[in-house]
Amino acid sequence: MSLANYLVLAAILFAIGAVIVLVRKSAVISLMGVELMLNSSNLVLVTFARIHGNVAGEAMAFFVMVVAAAEVVVGLAIIVSIFKSRDTTSVDDVNLLKN
């Protein structure tokens, strides 16, 4: 497979993730969209690392996965806290954290 195939796949995955984040109202689904965008960036990093023959892109993809895991833990903790107090996970209720 060529470089263009991987880049097109990554662009499609990123676009799907961006649409999910912009369209969906559930915070959990929005986090899934962010994860899809991060995985598409990992695909680009690993693709260029393989093309150039070094491991810098693969190491960077590993760090992106670590940050994504931390983001999921913190995001889900916030979502669970909001759900316990307000019984909703809607992103439209952004003023929940003001109280």
N, C-alpha and C. Protein backbone atom coordinates (compact mmCIF):
# COMPACT_ATOMS: atom_id res chain seq x y z
N MET A 1 0.84 -1.19 0.00
CA MET A 1 0.00 0.00 0.00
C MET A 1 0.88 1.24 0.00
N SER A 2 0.39 2.26 -0.62
CA SER A 2 1.17 3.48 -0.73
C SER A 2 0.87 4.43 0.42
N LEU A 3 1.67 5.47 0.48
CA LEU A 3 1.52 6.49 1.50
C LEU A 3 0.16 7.18 1.39
N ALA A 4 -0.30 7.40 0.18
CA ALA A 4 -1.56 8.11 -0.03
C ALA A 4 -2.74 7.35 0.55
N ASN A 5 -2.71 6.02 0.47
CA ASN A 5 -3.82 5.23 1.02
C ASN A 5 -3.94 5.43 2.53
N TYR A 6 -2.82 5.41 3.22
CA TYR A 6 -2.84 5.61 4.67
C TYR A 6 -3.29 7.02 5.04
N LEU A 7 -2.83 8.00 4.27
CA LEU A 7 -3.20 9.38 4.55
C LEU A 7 -4.69 9.64 4.28
N VAL A 8 -5.21 9.02 3.24
CA VAL A 8 -6.65 9.16 2.95
C VAL A 8 -7.46 8.51 4.06
N LEU A 9 -7.05 7.33 4.51
CA LEU A 9 -7.75 6.66 5.60
C LEU A 9 -7.71 7.50 6.87
N ALA A 10 -6.55 8.07 7.18
CA ALA A 10 -6.43 8.92 8.36
C ALA A 10 -7.31 10.17 8.24
N ALA A 11 -7.37 10.76 7.05
CA ALA A 11 -8.21 11.93 6.85
C ALA A 11 -9.69 11.59 7.02
N ILE A 12 -10.10 10.43 6.51
CA ILE A 12 -11.49 10.01 6.65
C ILE A 12 -11.82 9.77 8.12
N LEU A 13 -10.93 9.08 8.84
CA LEU A 13 -11.16 8.84 10.27
C LEU A 13 -11.22 10.14 11.06
N PHE A 14 -10.33 11.08 10.73
CA PHE A 14 -10.33 12.37 11.42
C PHE A 14 -11.62 13.13 11.13
N ALA A 15 -12.08 13.09 9.89
CA ALA A 15 -13.31 13.79 9.54
C ALA A 15 -14.52 13.18 10.26
N ILE A 16 -14.56 11.87 10.34
CA ILE A 16 -15.66 11.21 11.06
C ILE A 16 -15.64 11.61 12.53
N GLY A 17 -14.45 11.61 13.13
CA GLY A 17 -14.33 12.02 14.53
C GLY A 17 -14.75 13.46 14.75
N ALA A 18 -14.36 14.35 13.84
CA ALA A 18 -14.73 15.76 13.97
C ALA A 18 -16.24 15.94 13.84
N VAL A 19 -16.86 15.22 12.92
CA VAL A 19 -18.31 15.31 12.77
C VAL A 19 -19.00 14.80 14.03
N ILE A 20 -18.50 13.72 14.60
CA ILE A 20 -19.08 13.18 15.83
C ILE A 20 -19.01 14.21 16.96
N VAL A 21 -17.85 14.85 17.10
CA VAL A 21 -17.69 15.84 18.18
C VAL A 21 -18.63 17.03 17.97
N LEU A 22 -18.79 17.46 16.73
CA LEU A 22 -19.60 18.64 16.46
C LEU A 22 -21.10 18.37 16.48
N VAL A 23 -21.51 17.15 16.16
CA VAL A 23 -22.93 16.88 15.99
C VAL A 23 -23.57 16.27 17.23
N ARG A 24 -22.91 15.34 17.88
CA ARG A 24 -23.53 14.61 18.99
C ARG A 24 -23.60 15.46 20.24
N LYS A 25 -24.63 15.23 21.05
CA LYS A 25 -24.82 16.00 22.27
C LYS A 25 -24.35 15.27 23.51
N SER A 26 -24.16 13.97 23.43
CA SER A 26 -23.71 13.20 24.58
C SER A 26 -22.20 13.38 24.77
N ALA A 27 -21.80 13.61 26.00
CA ALA A 27 -20.38 13.82 26.28
C ALA A 27 -19.57 12.55 26.06
N VAL A 28 -20.15 11.40 26.32
CA VAL A 28 -19.44 10.14 26.12
C VAL A 28 -19.16 9.90 24.64
N ILE A 29 -20.15 10.17 23.80
CA ILE A 29 -19.97 10.00 22.36
C ILE A 29 -18.97 11.03 21.84
N SER A 30 -18.98 12.23 22.38
CA SER A 30 -18.00 13.24 21.98
C SER A 30 -16.58 12.80 22.32
N LEU A 31 -16.41 12.18 23.48
CA LEU A 31 -15.09 11.64 23.83
C LEU A 31 -14.66 10.55 22.86
N MET A 32 -15.60 9.75 22.39
CA MET A 32 -15.27 8.73 21.39
C MET A 32 -14.80 9.38 20.08
N GLY A 33 -15.43 10.49 19.71
CA GLY A 33 -14.99 11.21 18.52
C GLY A 33 -13.59 11.77 18.67
N VAL A 34 -13.27 12.28 19.84
CA VAL A 34 -11.91 12.78 20.10
C VAL A 34 -10.90 11.64 20.02
N GLU A 35 -11.26 10.49 20.56
CA GLU A 35 -10.37 9.33 20.49
C GLU A 35 -10.15 8.89 19.04
N LEU A 36 -11.19 8.96 18.23
CA LEU A 36 -11.05 8.61 16.82
C LEU A 36 -10.11 9.57 16.11
N MET A 37 -10.19 10.85 16.44
CA MET A 37 -9.28 11.83 15.85
C MET A 37 -7.84 11.59 16.30
N LEU A 38 -7.65 11.25 17.57
CA LEU A 38 -6.30 10.95 18.05
C LEU A 38 -5.73 9.70 17.39
N ASN A 39 -6.57 8.70 17.17
CA ASN A 39 -6.10 7.50 16.50
C ASN A 39 -5.74 7.75 15.04
N SER A 40 -6.46 8.66 14.40
CA SER A 40 -6.10 8.99 13.02
C SER A 40 -4.75 9.72 12.97
N SER A 41 -4.48 10.55 13.96
CA SER A 41 -3.17 11.21 14.00
C SER A 41 -2.07 10.19 14.29
N ASN A 42 -2.38 9.18 15.10
CA ASN A 42 -1.41 8.11 15.33
C ASN A 42 -1.10 7.35 14.05
N LEU A 43 -2.12 7.13 13.22
CA LEU A 43 -1.91 6.45 11.95
C LEU A 43 -0.97 7.25 11.05
N VAL A 44 -1.13 8.56 11.03
CA VAL A 44 -0.24 9.40 10.23
C VAL A 44 1.18 9.35 10.78
N LEU A 45 1.33 9.43 12.09
CA LEU A 45 2.66 9.39 12.69
C LEU A 45 3.38 8.07 12.39
N VAL A 46 2.69 6.96 12.54
CA VAL A 46 3.30 5.66 12.28
C VAL A 46 3.59 5.48 10.80
N THR A 47 2.71 5.98 9.94
CA THR A 47 2.94 5.88 8.49
C THR A 47 4.21 6.60 8.09
N PHE A 48 4.39 7.82 8.55
CA PHE A 48 5.59 8.57 8.18
C PHE A 48 6.84 7.98 8.83
N ALA A 49 6.70 7.41 10.01
CA ALA A 49 7.85 6.75 10.64
C ALA A 49 8.29 5.54 9.83
N ARG A 50 7.33 4.78 9.32
CA ARG A 50 7.68 3.61 8.51
C ARG A 50 8.27 4.01 7.17
N ILE A 51 7.76 5.07 6.56
CA ILE A 51 8.27 5.53 5.27
C ILE A 51 9.71 6.01 5.41
N HIS A 52 9.99 6.76 6.47
CA HIS A 52 11.33 7.32 6.66
C HIS A 52 12.28 6.36 7.37
N GLY A 53 11.79 5.28 7.90
CA GLY A 53 12.66 4.27 8.50
C GLY A 53 13.19 4.60 9.88
N ASN A 54 12.52 5.47 10.62
CA ASN A 54 12.94 5.75 11.98
C ASN A 54 11.80 5.48 12.95
N VAL A 55 12.09 5.50 14.22
CA VAL A 55 11.07 5.17 15.22
C VAL A 55 10.54 6.41 15.94
N ALA A 56 10.92 7.58 15.50
CA ALA A 56 10.47 8.81 16.18
C ALA A 56 8.96 8.96 16.09
N GLY A 57 8.37 8.67 14.95
CA GLY A 57 6.92 8.78 14.80
C GLY A 57 6.19 7.74 15.63
N GLU A 58 6.76 6.54 15.72
CA GLU A 58 6.13 5.50 16.53
C GLU A 58 6.22 5.84 18.01
N ALA A 59 7.32 6.43 18.44
CA ALA A 59 7.45 6.86 19.83
C ALA A 59 6.47 7.99 20.14
N MET A 60 6.31 8.90 19.20
CA MET A 60 5.36 9.99 19.39
C MET A 60 3.93 9.45 19.45
N ALA A 61 3.62 8.45 18.62
CA ALA A 61 2.29 7.84 18.65
C ALA A 61 2.04 7.18 20.00
N PHE A 62 3.07 6.59 20.58
CA PHE A 62 2.94 5.99 21.91
C PHE A 62 2.59 7.04 22.94
N PHE A 63 3.25 8.19 22.89
CA PHE A 63 2.95 9.27 23.84
C PHE A 63 1.55 9.83 23.62
N VAL A 64 1.10 9.89 22.37
CA VAL A 64 -0.27 10.33 22.09
C VAL A 64 -1.27 9.36 22.71
N MET A 65 -0.98 8.05 22.64
CA MET A 65 -1.86 7.06 23.27
C MET A 65 -1.90 7.21 24.79
N VAL A 66 -0.77 7.54 25.39
CA VAL A 66 -0.72 7.74 26.84
C VAL A 66 -1.56 8.96 27.23
N VAL A 67 -1.41 10.05 26.49
CA VAL A 67 -2.19 11.26 26.77
C VAL A 67 -3.68 10.99 26.54
N ALA A 68 -4.00 10.22 25.50
CA ALA A 68 -5.41 9.89 25.22
C ALA A 68 -6.01 9.07 26.35
N ALA A 69 -5.24 8.13 26.91
CA ALA A 69 -5.74 7.33 28.03
C ALA A 69 -5.99 8.20 29.25
N ALA A 70 -5.09 9.13 29.51
CA ALA A 70 -5.28 10.05 30.65
C ALA A 70 -6.49 10.95 30.41
N GLU A 71 -6.68 11.39 29.17
CA GLU A 71 -7.82 12.23 28.84
C GLU A 71 -9.13 11.49 29.05
N VAL A 72 -9.16 10.23 28.69
CA VAL A 72 -10.38 9.43 28.88
C VAL A 72 -10.68 9.27 30.36
N VAL A 73 -9.67 9.01 31.16
CA VAL A 73 -9.89 8.82 32.60
C VAL A 73 -10.45 10.10 33.23
N VAL A 74 -9.84 11.22 32.95
CA VAL A 74 -10.29 12.49 33.52
C VAL A 74 -11.67 12.86 32.97
N GLY A 75 -11.85 12.70 31.67
CA GLY A 75 -13.14 13.04 31.06
C GLY A 75 -14.28 12.20 31.59
N LEU A 76 -14.06 10.91 31.71
CA LEU A 76 -15.11 10.05 32.24
C LEU A 76 -15.40 10.33 33.71
N ALA A 77 -14.36 10.68 34.47
CA ALA A 77 -14.59 11.03 35.87
C ALA A 77 -15.47 12.28 35.97
N ILE A 78 -15.22 13.26 35.14
CA ILE A 78 -16.04 14.48 35.13
C ILE A 78 -17.46 14.16 34.70
N ILE A 79 -17.60 13.32 33.67
CA ILE A 79 -18.93 12.96 33.17
C ILE A 79 -19.72 12.20 34.23
N VAL A 80 -19.08 11.26 34.92
CA VAL A 80 -19.76 10.50 35.97
C VAL A 80 -20.17 11.42 37.11
N SER A 81 -19.31 12.36 37.47
CA SER A 81 -19.64 13.32 38.53
C SER A 81 -20.84 14.18 38.15
N ILE A 82 -20.88 14.66 36.92
CA ILE A 82 -22.01 15.46 36.46
C ILE A 82 -23.27 14.61 36.40
N PHE A 83 -23.14 13.37 35.94
CA PHE A 83 -24.32 12.51 35.84
C PHE A 83 -24.90 12.19 37.21
N LYS A 84 -24.03 12.00 38.20
CA LYS A 84 -24.52 11.72 39.56
C LYS A 84 -25.30 12.90 40.14
N SER A 85 -24.84 14.11 39.85
CA SER A 85 -25.49 15.28 40.43
C SER A 85 -26.68 15.78 39.61
N ARG A 86 -26.64 15.64 38.29
CA ARG A 86 -27.68 16.24 37.45
C ARG A 86 -28.47 15.25 36.59
N ASP A 87 -28.10 13.98 36.56
CA ASP A 87 -28.77 12.94 35.77
C ASP A 87 -28.79 13.25 34.27
N THR A 88 -27.73 13.85 33.76
CA THR A 88 -27.62 14.11 32.33
C THR A 88 -26.15 14.11 31.93
N THR A 89 -25.89 13.72 30.67
CA THR A 89 -24.54 13.82 30.12
C THR A 89 -24.53 14.70 28.87
N SER A 90 -25.51 15.54 28.74
CA SER A 90 -25.64 16.39 27.56
C SER A 90 -24.58 17.49 27.58
N VAL A 91 -23.98 17.71 26.42
CA VAL A 91 -22.97 18.75 26.29
C VAL A 91 -23.62 20.13 26.30
N ASP A 92 -24.90 20.19 25.99
CA ASP A 92 -25.61 21.47 25.99
C ASP A 92 -25.71 22.08 27.38
N ASP A 93 -25.57 21.26 28.42
CA ASP A 93 -25.64 21.76 29.78
C ASP A 93 -24.24 22.14 30.27
N VAL A 94 -23.60 23.07 29.55
CA VAL A 94 -22.22 23.44 29.88
C VAL A 94 -22.12 24.27 31.15
N ASN A 95 -23.18 24.84 31.61
CA ASN A 95 -23.13 25.69 32.81
C ASN A 95 -23.23 24.87 34.09
N LEU A 96 -23.16 23.54 34.00
CA LEU A 96 -23.28 22.69 35.18
C LEU A 96 -22.11 22.87 36.15
N LEU A 97 -20.94 23.19 35.63
CA LEU A 97 -19.76 23.28 36.48
C LEU A 97 -19.63 24.63 37.18
N LYS A 98 -20.53 25.56 36.92
CA LYS A 98 -20.46 26.88 37.54
C LYS A 98 -20.91 26.86 38.99
N ASN A 99 -21.75 25.93 39.37
CA ASN A 99 -22.27 25.89 40.74
C ASN A 99 -21.29 25.34 41.72
